[in-house]
Amino acid sequence: MIRRLYDWTMSLACHPRAIWALAVVAFVESSVFPIPPDVLMIPMVLAAREKAWKIAFVATLASVLGGCLGYAIGYGFMDAIGKPILEFYGKADKFDELALRFNDYGGWAVLVAGVTPFPYKVITIFSGATQLSLPLFLAVSVLARALRFFVVAGLLWRFGAPIRDFIERWLGPLFSAFVVLLIGGFYALRYL
């Protein structure tokens, strides 16, 4: 099923209304859809490098708006909608444990999920369910998603097709390492 969704998403990159398809994919990926918008965004930027920044902006805006839907699911519909989604992604059993500590570090969790391969949709739902400050959620979501999509667009704009394999293989782990170093730096400053 995931492979068919991936192939379908890739086929949208060639469609005349690909930018709208990207907006829809980025929106639903932030709350329920399992395929990241990068799958659509990468071939779109490669096909029209002069539109890289517009494509990144649309992906960012739609993703943050979709994150708001995830937040609303967690906030108002956790039992009916949120828990089945979390169960699908294997995260339901972690909810109670995470909810106790989440608001202390929720901004960091949104940042991590927004730039790394960790499913952003899980954190959007957790944020709503634990009632993380909405302004904090929005600010960090904009920062994280813009960082992710504009870095991808910038690399593709600058280097073109040769950078594609690097992005698909290494950008997620590099973002993860960056976040670990960033959090480690703040931890070191605070406790050392």
N, C-alpha and C. Protein backbone atom coordinates (compact mmCIF):
# COMPACT_ATOMS: atom_id res chain seq x y z
N MET A 1 0.81 -1.19 0.00
CA MET A 1 0.00 0.00 0.00
C MET A 1 0.87 1.26 0.00
N ILE A 2 1.92 1.29 0.84
CA ILE A 2 2.79 2.46 0.91
C ILE A 2 3.49 2.68 -0.43
N ARG A 3 3.91 1.60 -1.08
CA ARG A 3 4.58 1.74 -2.38
C ARG A 3 3.64 2.35 -3.42
N ARG A 4 2.37 1.94 -3.42
CA ARG A 4 1.41 2.52 -4.37
C ARG A 4 1.19 3.99 -4.08
N LEU A 5 1.10 4.37 -2.79
CA LEU A 5 0.97 5.78 -2.43
C LEU A 5 2.19 6.57 -2.87
N TYR A 6 3.37 5.99 -2.69
CA TYR A 6 4.62 6.64 -3.11
C TYR A 6 4.62 6.86 -4.62
N ASP A 7 4.30 5.82 -5.38
CA ASP A 7 4.27 5.93 -6.85
C ASP A 7 3.23 6.95 -7.30
N TRP A 8 2.07 6.95 -6.68
CA TRP A 8 1.02 7.91 -7.02
C TRP A 8 1.49 9.33 -6.74
N THR A 9 2.13 9.52 -5.56
CA THR A 9 2.64 10.83 -5.20
C THR A 9 3.69 11.30 -6.20
N MET A 10 4.59 10.42 -6.60
CA MET A 10 5.62 10.77 -7.58
C MET A 10 4.99 11.17 -8.92
N SER A 11 3.93 10.50 -9.30
CA SER A 11 3.30 10.79 -10.59
C SER A 11 2.69 12.20 -10.61
N LEU A 12 2.37 12.74 -9.45
CA LEU A 12 1.79 14.08 -9.39
C LEU A 12 2.79 15.17 -9.78
N ALA A 13 4.09 14.88 -9.68
CA ALA A 13 5.11 15.89 -9.99
C ALA A 13 5.05 16.34 -11.44
N CYS A 14 4.56 15.50 -12.32
CA CYS A 14 4.48 15.84 -13.75
C CYS A 14 3.16 16.49 -14.12
N HIS A 15 2.25 16.54 -13.21
CA HIS A 15 0.92 17.07 -13.51
C HIS A 15 0.98 18.59 -13.68
N PRO A 16 0.16 19.15 -14.59
CA PRO A 16 0.17 20.61 -14.78
C PRO A 16 -0.17 21.40 -13.51
N ARG A 17 -0.90 20.81 -12.63
CA ARG A 17 -1.24 21.48 -11.37
C ARG A 17 -0.45 20.89 -10.20
N ALA A 18 0.80 20.59 -10.46
CA ALA A 18 1.65 19.95 -9.45
C ALA A 18 1.78 20.78 -8.19
N ILE A 19 1.81 22.09 -8.31
CA ILE A 19 1.97 22.94 -7.13
C ILE A 19 0.79 22.78 -6.17
N TRP A 20 -0.41 22.60 -6.73
CA TRP A 20 -1.60 22.35 -5.89
C TRP A 20 -1.53 20.95 -5.28
N ALA A 21 -1.04 19.99 -6.06
CA ALA A 21 -0.88 18.64 -5.53
C ALA A 21 0.12 18.65 -4.38
N LEU A 22 1.21 19.42 -4.54
CA LEU A 22 2.20 19.55 -3.46
C LEU A 22 1.55 20.13 -2.21
N ALA A 23 0.74 21.17 -2.39
CA ALA A 23 0.07 21.79 -1.25
C ALA A 23 -0.82 20.78 -0.53
N VAL A 24 -1.56 19.99 -1.29
CA VAL A 24 -2.44 18.98 -0.68
C VAL A 24 -1.62 17.92 0.05
N VAL A 25 -0.57 17.41 -0.61
CA VAL A 25 0.26 16.37 0.01
C VAL A 25 0.94 16.90 1.27
N ALA A 26 1.49 18.12 1.20
CA ALA A 26 2.15 18.70 2.38
C ALA A 26 1.15 18.92 3.51
N PHE A 27 -0.06 19.34 3.16
CA PHE A 27 -1.10 19.57 4.17
C PHE A 27 -1.48 18.28 4.87
N VAL A 28 -1.83 17.26 4.10
CA VAL A 28 -2.31 16.02 4.73
C VAL A 28 -1.17 15.22 5.37
N GLU A 29 0.05 15.39 4.87
CA GLU A 29 1.18 14.68 5.47
C GLU A 29 1.41 15.14 6.90
N SER A 30 1.09 16.38 7.19
CA SER A 30 1.33 16.92 8.53
C SER A 30 0.35 16.44 9.58
N SER A 31 -0.68 15.71 9.14
CA SER A 31 -1.64 15.20 10.12
C SER A 31 -1.98 13.73 9.93
N VAL A 32 -1.98 13.20 8.70
CA VAL A 32 -2.37 11.79 8.54
C VAL A 32 -1.62 11.03 7.45
N PHE A 33 -1.16 11.65 6.39
CA PHE A 33 -0.63 10.97 5.21
C PHE A 33 0.79 10.46 5.46
N PRO A 34 1.12 9.21 5.07
CA PRO A 34 2.43 8.66 5.40
C PRO A 34 3.58 9.05 4.47
N ILE A 35 3.32 9.64 3.32
CA ILE A 35 4.37 9.96 2.36
C ILE A 35 4.76 11.43 2.51
N PRO A 36 6.07 11.73 2.73
CA PRO A 36 6.47 13.12 2.91
C PRO A 36 6.40 13.92 1.61
N PRO A 37 6.16 15.22 1.71
CA PRO A 37 6.05 16.06 0.51
C PRO A 37 7.35 16.14 -0.29
N ASP A 38 8.47 15.80 0.32
CA ASP A 38 9.75 15.83 -0.38
C ASP A 38 9.72 14.96 -1.64
N VAL A 39 8.95 13.87 -1.57
CA VAL A 39 8.84 12.94 -2.70
C VAL A 39 8.30 13.65 -3.94
N LEU A 40 7.42 14.58 -3.73
CA LEU A 40 6.83 15.38 -4.80
C LEU A 40 7.66 16.63 -5.08
N MET A 41 8.17 17.22 -4.04
CA MET A 41 8.90 18.48 -4.15
C MET A 41 10.21 18.33 -4.94
N ILE A 42 10.95 17.28 -4.70
CA ILE A 42 12.26 17.09 -5.35
C ILE A 42 12.14 17.07 -6.87
N PRO A 43 11.27 16.21 -7.45
CA PRO A 43 11.18 16.24 -8.91
C PRO A 43 10.60 17.55 -9.45
N MET A 44 9.75 18.21 -8.67
CA MET A 44 9.20 19.50 -9.11
C MET A 44 10.30 20.55 -9.23
N VAL A 45 11.17 20.62 -8.23
CA VAL A 45 12.26 21.60 -8.26
C VAL A 45 13.24 21.25 -9.38
N LEU A 46 13.53 19.98 -9.55
CA LEU A 46 14.44 19.59 -10.63
C LEU A 46 13.88 19.93 -12.00
N ALA A 47 12.56 19.84 -12.15
CA ALA A 47 11.93 20.16 -13.44
C ALA A 47 11.86 21.66 -13.69
N ALA A 48 11.83 22.47 -12.62
CA ALA A 48 11.72 23.93 -12.77
C ALA A 48 12.51 24.59 -11.64
N ARG A 49 13.82 24.59 -11.76
CA ARG A 49 14.68 25.10 -10.69
C ARG A 49 14.41 26.57 -10.38
N GLU A 50 13.96 27.33 -11.38
CA GLU A 50 13.67 28.75 -11.14
C GLU A 50 12.47 28.94 -10.20
N LYS A 51 11.69 27.89 -9.98
CA LYS A 51 10.54 27.96 -9.08
C LYS A 51 10.83 27.33 -7.71
N ALA A 52 12.09 27.07 -7.42
CA ALA A 52 12.47 26.36 -6.19
C ALA A 52 11.93 27.05 -4.94
N TRP A 53 12.05 28.37 -4.87
CA TRP A 53 11.64 29.10 -3.66
C TRP A 53 10.12 29.12 -3.52
N LYS A 54 9.41 29.24 -4.64
CA LYS A 54 7.95 29.19 -4.59
C LYS A 54 7.48 27.81 -4.13
N ILE A 55 8.11 26.77 -4.66
CA ILE A 55 7.76 25.40 -4.28
C ILE A 55 8.02 25.18 -2.79
N ALA A 56 9.17 25.66 -2.29
CA ALA A 56 9.48 25.51 -0.86
C ALA A 56 8.49 26.30 0.00
N PHE A 57 8.11 27.49 -0.46
CA PHE A 57 7.15 28.30 0.29
C PHE A 57 5.80 27.59 0.38
N VAL A 58 5.32 27.06 -0.74
CA VAL A 58 4.03 26.36 -0.76
C VAL A 58 4.09 25.14 0.15
N ALA A 59 5.19 24.37 0.08
CA ALA A 59 5.32 23.19 0.95
C ALA A 59 5.32 23.60 2.42
N THR A 60 6.03 24.69 2.74
CA THR A 60 6.10 25.16 4.13
C THR A 60 4.73 25.60 4.62
N LEU A 61 4.08 26.48 3.86
CA LEU A 61 2.78 27.00 4.27
C LEU A 61 1.75 25.88 4.43
N ALA A 62 1.66 25.01 3.43
CA ALA A 62 0.67 23.92 3.49
C ALA A 62 0.99 22.96 4.63
N SER A 63 2.27 22.69 4.86
CA SER A 63 2.66 21.78 5.93
C SER A 63 2.30 22.35 7.30
N VAL A 64 2.55 23.65 7.51
CA VAL A 64 2.21 24.27 8.79
C VAL A 64 0.69 24.29 8.98
N LEU A 65 -0.05 24.60 7.92
CA LEU A 65 -1.52 24.57 8.02
C LEU A 65 -2.00 23.15 8.32
N GLY A 66 -1.39 22.15 7.67
CA GLY A 66 -1.73 20.76 7.98
C GLY A 66 -1.36 20.39 9.40
N GLY A 67 -0.25 20.97 9.89
CA GLY A 67 0.13 20.77 11.29
C GLY A 67 -0.93 21.31 12.23
N CYS A 68 -1.57 22.42 11.83
CA CYS A 68 -2.68 22.97 12.64
C CYS A 68 -3.85 22.00 12.67
N LEU A 69 -4.10 21.30 11.56
CA LEU A 69 -5.14 20.26 11.56
C LEU A 69 -4.75 19.14 12.53
N GLY A 70 -3.49 18.72 12.49
CA GLY A 70 -3.03 17.71 13.44
C GLY A 70 -3.20 18.17 14.88
N TYR A 71 -2.87 19.43 15.13
CA TYR A 71 -3.05 20.00 16.46
C TYR A 71 -4.52 19.95 16.85
N ALA A 72 -5.41 20.32 15.94
CA ALA A 72 -6.86 20.29 16.21
C ALA A 72 -7.34 18.87 16.46
N ILE A 73 -6.80 17.91 15.71
CA ILE A 73 -7.16 16.50 15.94
C ILE A 73 -6.80 16.11 17.37
N GLY A 74 -5.58 16.44 17.78
CA GLY A 74 -5.16 16.10 19.14
C GLY A 74 -5.93 16.85 20.19
N TYR A 75 -6.22 18.11 19.93
CA TYR A 75 -6.91 18.96 20.91
C TYR A 75 -8.37 18.58 21.09
N GLY A 76 -9.08 18.38 19.98
CA GLY A 76 -10.52 18.19 20.08
C GLY A 76 -11.03 16.80 19.77
N PHE A 77 -10.20 16.01 19.13
CA PHE A 77 -10.69 14.70 18.66
C PHE A 77 -9.72 13.58 18.98
N MET A 78 -9.03 13.68 20.10
CA MET A 78 -8.01 12.69 20.41
C MET A 78 -8.58 11.28 20.50
N ASP A 79 -9.68 11.11 21.19
CA ASP A 79 -10.23 9.76 21.34
C ASP A 79 -10.77 9.20 20.03
N ALA A 80 -11.48 10.01 19.28
CA ALA A 80 -12.13 9.53 18.06
C ALA A 80 -11.19 9.40 16.88
N ILE A 81 -10.28 10.36 16.70
CA ILE A 81 -9.42 10.38 15.51
C ILE A 81 -7.96 10.22 15.87
N GLY A 82 -7.50 10.96 16.87
CA GLY A 82 -6.08 10.99 17.20
C GLY A 82 -5.50 9.65 17.61
N LYS A 83 -6.18 8.95 18.52
CA LYS A 83 -5.64 7.67 18.99
C LYS A 83 -5.53 6.62 17.87
N PRO A 84 -6.53 6.49 16.98
CA PRO A 84 -6.35 5.54 15.88
C PRO A 84 -5.17 5.89 14.96
N ILE A 85 -4.94 7.19 14.74
CA ILE A 85 -3.79 7.59 13.92
C ILE A 85 -2.50 7.24 14.64
N LEU A 86 -2.42 7.54 15.93
CA LEU A 86 -1.22 7.20 16.69
C LEU A 86 -1.01 5.70 16.76
N GLU A 87 -2.10 4.92 16.86
CA GLU A 87 -1.98 3.45 16.85
C GLU A 87 -1.45 2.96 15.51
N PHE A 88 -1.91 3.57 14.42
CA PHE A 88 -1.44 3.19 13.08
C PHE A 88 0.07 3.37 12.97
N TYR A 89 0.60 4.45 13.56
CA TYR A 89 2.03 4.72 13.50
C TYR A 89 2.80 4.10 14.67
N GLY A 90 2.11 3.31 15.49
CA GLY A 90 2.77 2.61 16.59
C GLY A 90 3.19 3.50 17.74
N LYS A 91 2.52 4.61 17.94
CA LYS A 91 2.91 5.56 18.98
C LYS A 91 1.88 5.72 20.10
N ALA A 92 0.78 5.01 20.05
CA ALA A 92 -0.30 5.18 21.03
C ALA A 92 0.14 4.82 22.44
N ASP A 93 0.94 3.77 22.58
CA ASP A 93 1.36 3.34 23.91
C ASP A 93 2.31 4.34 24.58
N LYS A 94 2.93 5.18 23.81
CA LYS A 94 3.85 6.18 24.34
C LYS A 94 3.14 7.47 24.76
N PHE A 95 1.87 7.60 24.43
CA PHE A 95 1.19 8.88 24.65
C PHE A 95 1.16 9.32 26.10
N ASP A 96 0.71 8.46 27.01
CA ASP A 96 0.57 8.86 28.41
C ASP A 96 1.91 9.27 29.02
N GLU A 97 2.94 8.51 28.72
CA GLU A 97 4.28 8.82 29.23
C GLU A 97 4.77 10.17 28.67
N LEU A 98 4.59 10.36 27.39
CA LEU A 98 5.05 11.59 26.75
C LEU A 98 4.24 12.79 27.19
N ALA A 99 2.95 12.62 27.38
CA ALA A 99 2.07 13.74 27.74
C ALA A 99 2.49 14.38 29.07
N LEU A 100 3.02 13.58 29.98
CA LEU A 100 3.44 14.11 31.28
C LEU A 100 4.59 15.11 31.15
N ARG A 101 5.47 14.90 30.20
CA ARG A 101 6.65 15.75 30.05
C ARG A 101 6.60 16.67 28.84
N PHE A 102 5.63 16.47 27.98
CA PHE A 102 5.68 17.09 26.67
C PHE A 102 5.73 18.61 26.69
N ASN A 103 4.92 19.24 27.49
CA ASN A 103 4.86 20.70 27.45
C ASN A 103 6.15 21.37 27.91
N ASP A 104 6.96 20.67 28.72
CA ASP A 104 8.26 21.23 29.10
C ASP A 104 9.22 21.31 27.92
N TYR A 105 9.12 20.35 27.02
CA TYR A 105 10.04 20.26 25.89
C TYR A 105 9.32 20.23 24.55
N GLY A 106 8.06 20.60 24.54
CA GLY A 106 7.25 20.49 23.33
C GLY A 106 7.79 21.26 22.15
N GLY A 107 8.33 22.46 22.38
CA GLY A 107 8.91 23.23 21.29
C GLY A 107 10.05 22.50 20.63
N TRP A 108 10.88 21.86 21.43
CA TRP A 108 11.98 21.06 20.89
C TRP A 108 11.47 19.86 20.10
N ALA A 109 10.42 19.24 20.61
CA ALA A 109 9.84 18.08 19.90
C ALA A 109 9.30 18.50 18.54
N VAL A 110 8.65 19.66 18.48
CA VAL A 110 8.13 20.15 17.19
C VAL A 110 9.29 20.44 16.25
N LEU A 111 10.37 21.04 16.77
CA LEU A 111 11.54 21.31 15.93
C LEU A 111 12.15 20.03 15.39
N VAL A 112 12.35 19.06 16.27
CA VAL A 112 12.94 17.78 15.85
C VAL A 112 12.07 17.11 14.79
N ALA A 113 10.77 17.02 15.04
CA ALA A 113 9.88 16.35 14.09
C ALA A 113 9.75 17.14 12.80
N GLY A 114 9.88 18.45 12.88
CA GLY A 114 9.73 19.28 11.69
C GLY A 114 10.88 19.20 10.71
N VAL A 115 12.07 18.86 11.20
CA VAL A 115 13.23 18.82 10.29
C VAL A 115 13.81 17.43 10.08
N THR A 116 13.49 16.48 10.94
CA THR A 116 14.06 15.14 10.82
C THR A 116 13.06 14.17 10.20
N PRO A 117 13.50 12.95 9.95
CA PRO A 117 12.55 11.95 9.40
C PRO A 117 11.48 11.48 10.38
N PHE A 118 11.55 11.88 11.65
CA PHE A 118 10.51 11.51 12.61
C PHE A 118 9.17 12.05 12.10
N PRO A 119 8.10 11.26 12.19
CA PRO A 119 6.80 11.71 11.65
C PRO A 119 6.27 12.97 12.35
N TYR A 120 6.31 14.08 11.64
CA TYR A 120 5.83 15.37 12.15
C TYR A 120 4.37 15.26 12.60
N LYS A 121 3.58 14.47 11.89
CA LYS A 121 2.16 14.31 12.21
C LYS A 121 1.94 13.80 13.63
N VAL A 122 2.82 12.95 14.12
CA VAL A 122 2.69 12.43 15.48
C VAL A 122 2.83 13.57 16.48
N ILE A 123 3.80 14.44 16.26
CA ILE A 123 4.03 15.55 17.18
C ILE A 123 2.93 16.60 17.06
N THR A 124 2.38 16.81 15.87
CA THR A 124 1.28 17.78 15.76
C THR A 124 0.09 17.32 16.59
N ILE A 125 -0.20 16.03 16.54
CA ILE A 125 -1.31 15.48 17.32
C ILE A 125 -1.00 15.52 18.82
N PHE A 126 0.21 15.14 19.21
CA PHE A 126 0.62 15.23 20.61
C PHE A 126 0.53 16.67 21.12
N SER A 127 0.93 17.61 20.28
CA SER A 127 0.91 19.02 20.69
C SER A 127 -0.51 19.47 21.02
N GLY A 128 -1.46 19.09 20.20
CA GLY A 128 -2.85 19.44 20.48
C GLY A 128 -3.40 18.69 21.68
N ALA A 129 -3.08 17.41 21.76
CA ALA A 129 -3.62 16.59 22.86
C ALA A 129 -3.10 17.06 24.21
N THR A 130 -1.88 17.54 24.26
CA THR A 130 -1.31 18.01 25.53
C THR A 130 -1.48 19.51 25.70
N GLN A 131 -2.14 20.14 24.73
CA GLN A 131 -2.41 21.58 24.73
C GLN A 131 -1.14 22.41 24.86
N LEU A 132 -0.12 22.04 24.07
CA LEU A 132 1.08 22.85 23.96
C LEU A 132 0.66 24.25 23.51
N SER A 133 1.33 25.26 23.99
CA SER A 133 1.02 26.63 23.61
C SER A 133 0.91 26.75 22.09
N LEU A 134 -0.24 27.20 21.60
CA LEU A 134 -0.45 27.30 20.16
C LEU A 134 0.53 28.29 19.50
N PRO A 135 0.79 29.46 20.07
CA PRO A 135 1.79 30.35 19.45
C PRO A 135 3.17 29.71 19.36
N LEU A 136 3.57 28.99 20.40
CA LEU A 136 4.85 28.29 20.37
C LEU A 136 4.85 27.23 19.28
N PHE A 137 3.78 26.45 19.23
CA PHE A 137 3.65 25.41 18.22
C PHE A 137 3.78 26.00 16.81
N LEU A 138 3.06 27.09 16.55
CA LEU A 138 3.08 27.72 15.22
C LEU A 138 4.46 28.28 14.89
N ALA A 139 5.07 28.98 15.83
CA ALA A 139 6.38 29.58 15.57
C ALA A 139 7.43 28.52 15.26
N VAL A 140 7.47 27.48 16.06
CA VAL A 140 8.47 26.44 15.85
C VAL A 140 8.15 25.64 14.59
N SER A 141 6.88 25.41 14.31
CA SER A 141 6.50 24.70 13.08
C SER A 141 6.94 25.46 11.84
N VAL A 142 6.71 26.77 11.82
CA VAL A 142 7.14 27.58 10.68
C VAL A 142 8.66 27.50 10.52
N LEU A 143 9.38 27.66 11.62
CA LEU A 143 10.84 27.60 11.58
C LEU A 143 11.33 26.24 11.07
N ALA A 144 10.81 25.17 11.65
CA ALA A 144 11.27 23.82 11.31
C ALA A 144 10.93 23.43 9.88
N ARG A 145 9.69 23.65 9.49
CA ARG A 145 9.29 23.24 8.14
C ARG A 145 9.96 24.10 7.08
N ALA A 146 10.11 25.41 7.35
CA ALA A 146 10.82 26.27 6.40
C ALA A 146 12.27 25.82 6.27
N LEU A 147 12.91 25.53 7.39
CA LEU A 147 14.29 25.05 7.35
C LEU A 147 14.40 23.80 6.49
N ARG A 148 13.52 22.86 6.73
CA ARG A 148 13.58 21.61 5.97
C ARG A 148 13.35 21.83 4.48
N PHE A 149 12.27 22.51 4.12
CA PHE A 149 11.92 22.63 2.71
C PHE A 149 12.80 23.61 1.95
N PHE A 150 13.22 24.69 2.59
CA PHE A 150 14.09 25.64 1.90
C PHE A 150 15.51 25.12 1.74
N VAL A 151 15.99 24.30 2.67
CA VAL A 151 17.30 23.68 2.49
C VAL A 151 17.25 22.71 1.31
N VAL A 152 16.22 21.88 1.24
CA VAL A 152 16.07 20.96 0.11
C VAL A 152 15.99 21.74 -1.20
N ALA A 153 15.13 22.75 -1.24
CA ALA A 153 14.97 23.55 -2.46
C ALA A 153 16.28 24.25 -2.83
N GLY A 154 16.98 24.79 -1.83
CA GLY A 154 18.24 25.47 -2.09
C GLY A 154 19.31 24.56 -2.65
N LEU A 155 19.41 23.36 -2.09
CA LEU A 155 20.39 22.40 -2.61
C LEU A 155 20.05 22.00 -4.05
N LEU A 156 18.78 21.75 -4.30
CA LEU A 156 18.38 21.38 -5.65
C LEU A 156 18.54 22.55 -6.63
N TRP A 157 18.24 23.76 -6.19
CA TRP A 157 18.40 24.94 -7.03
C TRP A 157 19.86 25.14 -7.40
N ARG A 158 20.74 24.97 -6.40
CA ARG A 158 22.17 25.22 -6.62
C ARG A 158 22.86 24.10 -7.40
N PHE A 159 22.57 22.84 -7.04
CA PHE A 159 23.34 21.72 -7.60
C PHE A 159 22.57 20.88 -8.59
N GLY A 160 21.26 21.01 -8.66
CA GLY A 160 20.47 20.26 -9.62
C GLY A 160 20.40 18.77 -9.31
N ALA A 161 20.22 17.98 -10.35
CA ALA A 161 19.99 16.54 -10.21
C ALA A 161 21.10 15.79 -9.47
N PRO A 162 22.38 16.16 -9.61
CA PRO A 162 23.41 15.39 -8.90
C PRO A 162 23.25 15.35 -7.38
N ILE A 163 22.59 16.33 -6.80
CA ILE A 163 22.43 16.38 -5.35
C ILE A 163 21.24 15.54 -4.87
N ARG A 164 20.41 15.08 -5.78
CA ARG A 164 19.19 14.35 -5.41
C ARG A 164 19.48 13.12 -4.56
N ASP A 165 20.43 12.30 -4.96
CA ASP A 165 20.75 11.10 -4.18
C ASP A 165 21.22 11.46 -2.78
N PHE A 166 22.03 12.52 -2.68
CA PHE A 166 22.50 12.97 -1.37
C PHE A 166 21.32 13.36 -0.49
N ILE A 167 20.39 14.13 -1.04
CA ILE A 167 19.22 14.58 -0.27
C ILE A 167 18.40 13.39 0.20
N GLU A 168 18.11 12.49 -0.72
CA GLU A 168 17.26 11.35 -0.37
C GLU A 168 17.92 10.41 0.62
N ARG A 169 19.23 10.30 0.57
CA ARG A 169 19.93 9.35 1.44
C ARG A 169 20.42 9.98 2.74
N TRP A 170 20.95 11.20 2.70
CA TRP A 170 21.69 11.73 3.83
C TRP A 170 21.09 12.96 4.52
N LEU A 171 20.17 13.65 3.88
CA LEU A 171 19.68 14.88 4.49
C LEU A 171 18.93 14.63 5.80
N GLY A 172 18.11 13.59 5.86
CA GLY A 172 17.41 13.24 7.11
C GLY A 172 18.37 12.97 8.25
N PRO A 173 19.36 12.08 8.05
CA PRO A 173 20.34 11.86 9.12
C PRO A 173 21.16 13.10 9.48
N LEU A 174 21.47 13.94 8.49
CA LEU A 174 22.21 15.17 8.79
C LEU A 174 21.37 16.15 9.60
N PHE A 175 20.09 16.30 9.26
CA PHE A 175 19.21 17.13 10.06
C PHE A 175 19.11 16.57 11.48
N SER A 176 19.01 15.24 11.59
CA SER A 176 18.93 14.61 12.92
C SER A 176 20.19 14.90 13.73
N ALA A 177 21.35 14.78 13.11
CA ALA A 177 22.61 15.06 13.80
C ALA A 177 22.68 16.53 14.21
N PHE A 178 22.22 17.43 13.34
CA PHE A 178 22.20 18.86 13.65
C PHE A 178 21.34 19.11 14.89
N VAL A 179 20.17 18.51 14.94
CA VAL A 179 19.27 18.72 16.08
C VAL A 179 19.89 18.16 17.35
N VAL A 180 20.50 16.99 17.28
CA VAL A 180 21.16 16.41 18.45
C VAL A 180 22.27 17.34 18.95
N LEU A 181 23.07 17.86 18.04
CA LEU A 181 24.13 18.79 18.43
C LEU A 181 23.57 20.08 19.01
N LEU A 182 22.50 20.59 18.42
CA LEU A 182 21.87 21.81 18.91
C LEU A 182 21.34 21.61 20.33
N ILE A 183 20.59 20.54 20.53
CA ILE A 183 20.04 20.26 21.86
C ILE A 183 21.17 19.95 22.84
N GLY A 184 22.17 19.21 22.39
CA GLY A 184 23.33 18.91 23.24
C GLY A 184 24.07 20.17 23.65
N GLY A 185 24.18 21.12 22.73
CA GLY A 185 24.82 22.40 23.05
C GLY A 185 24.06 23.16 24.11
N PHE A 186 22.73 23.23 23.98
CA PHE A 186 21.93 23.90 24.99
C PHE A 186 22.01 23.17 26.33
N TYR A 187 22.01 21.86 26.28
CA TYR A 187 22.13 21.07 27.52
C TYR A 187 23.47 21.35 28.19
N ALA A 188 24.54 21.36 27.40
CA ALA A 188 25.88 21.60 27.94
C ALA A 188 25.97 22.99 28.55
N LEU A 189 25.40 23.99 27.88
CA LEU A 189 25.42 25.34 28.42
C LEU A 189 24.65 25.45 29.73
N ARG A 190 23.59 24.69 29.83
CA ARG A 190 22.76 24.79 31.02
C ARG A 190 23.33 24.02 32.21
N TYR A 191 23.91 22.85 31.97
CA TYR A 191 24.30 21.97 33.07
C TYR A 191 25.81 21.83 33.27
N LEU A 192 26.61 22.40 32.41
CA LEU A 192 28.07 22.27 32.60
C LEU A 192 28.69 23.56 33.04
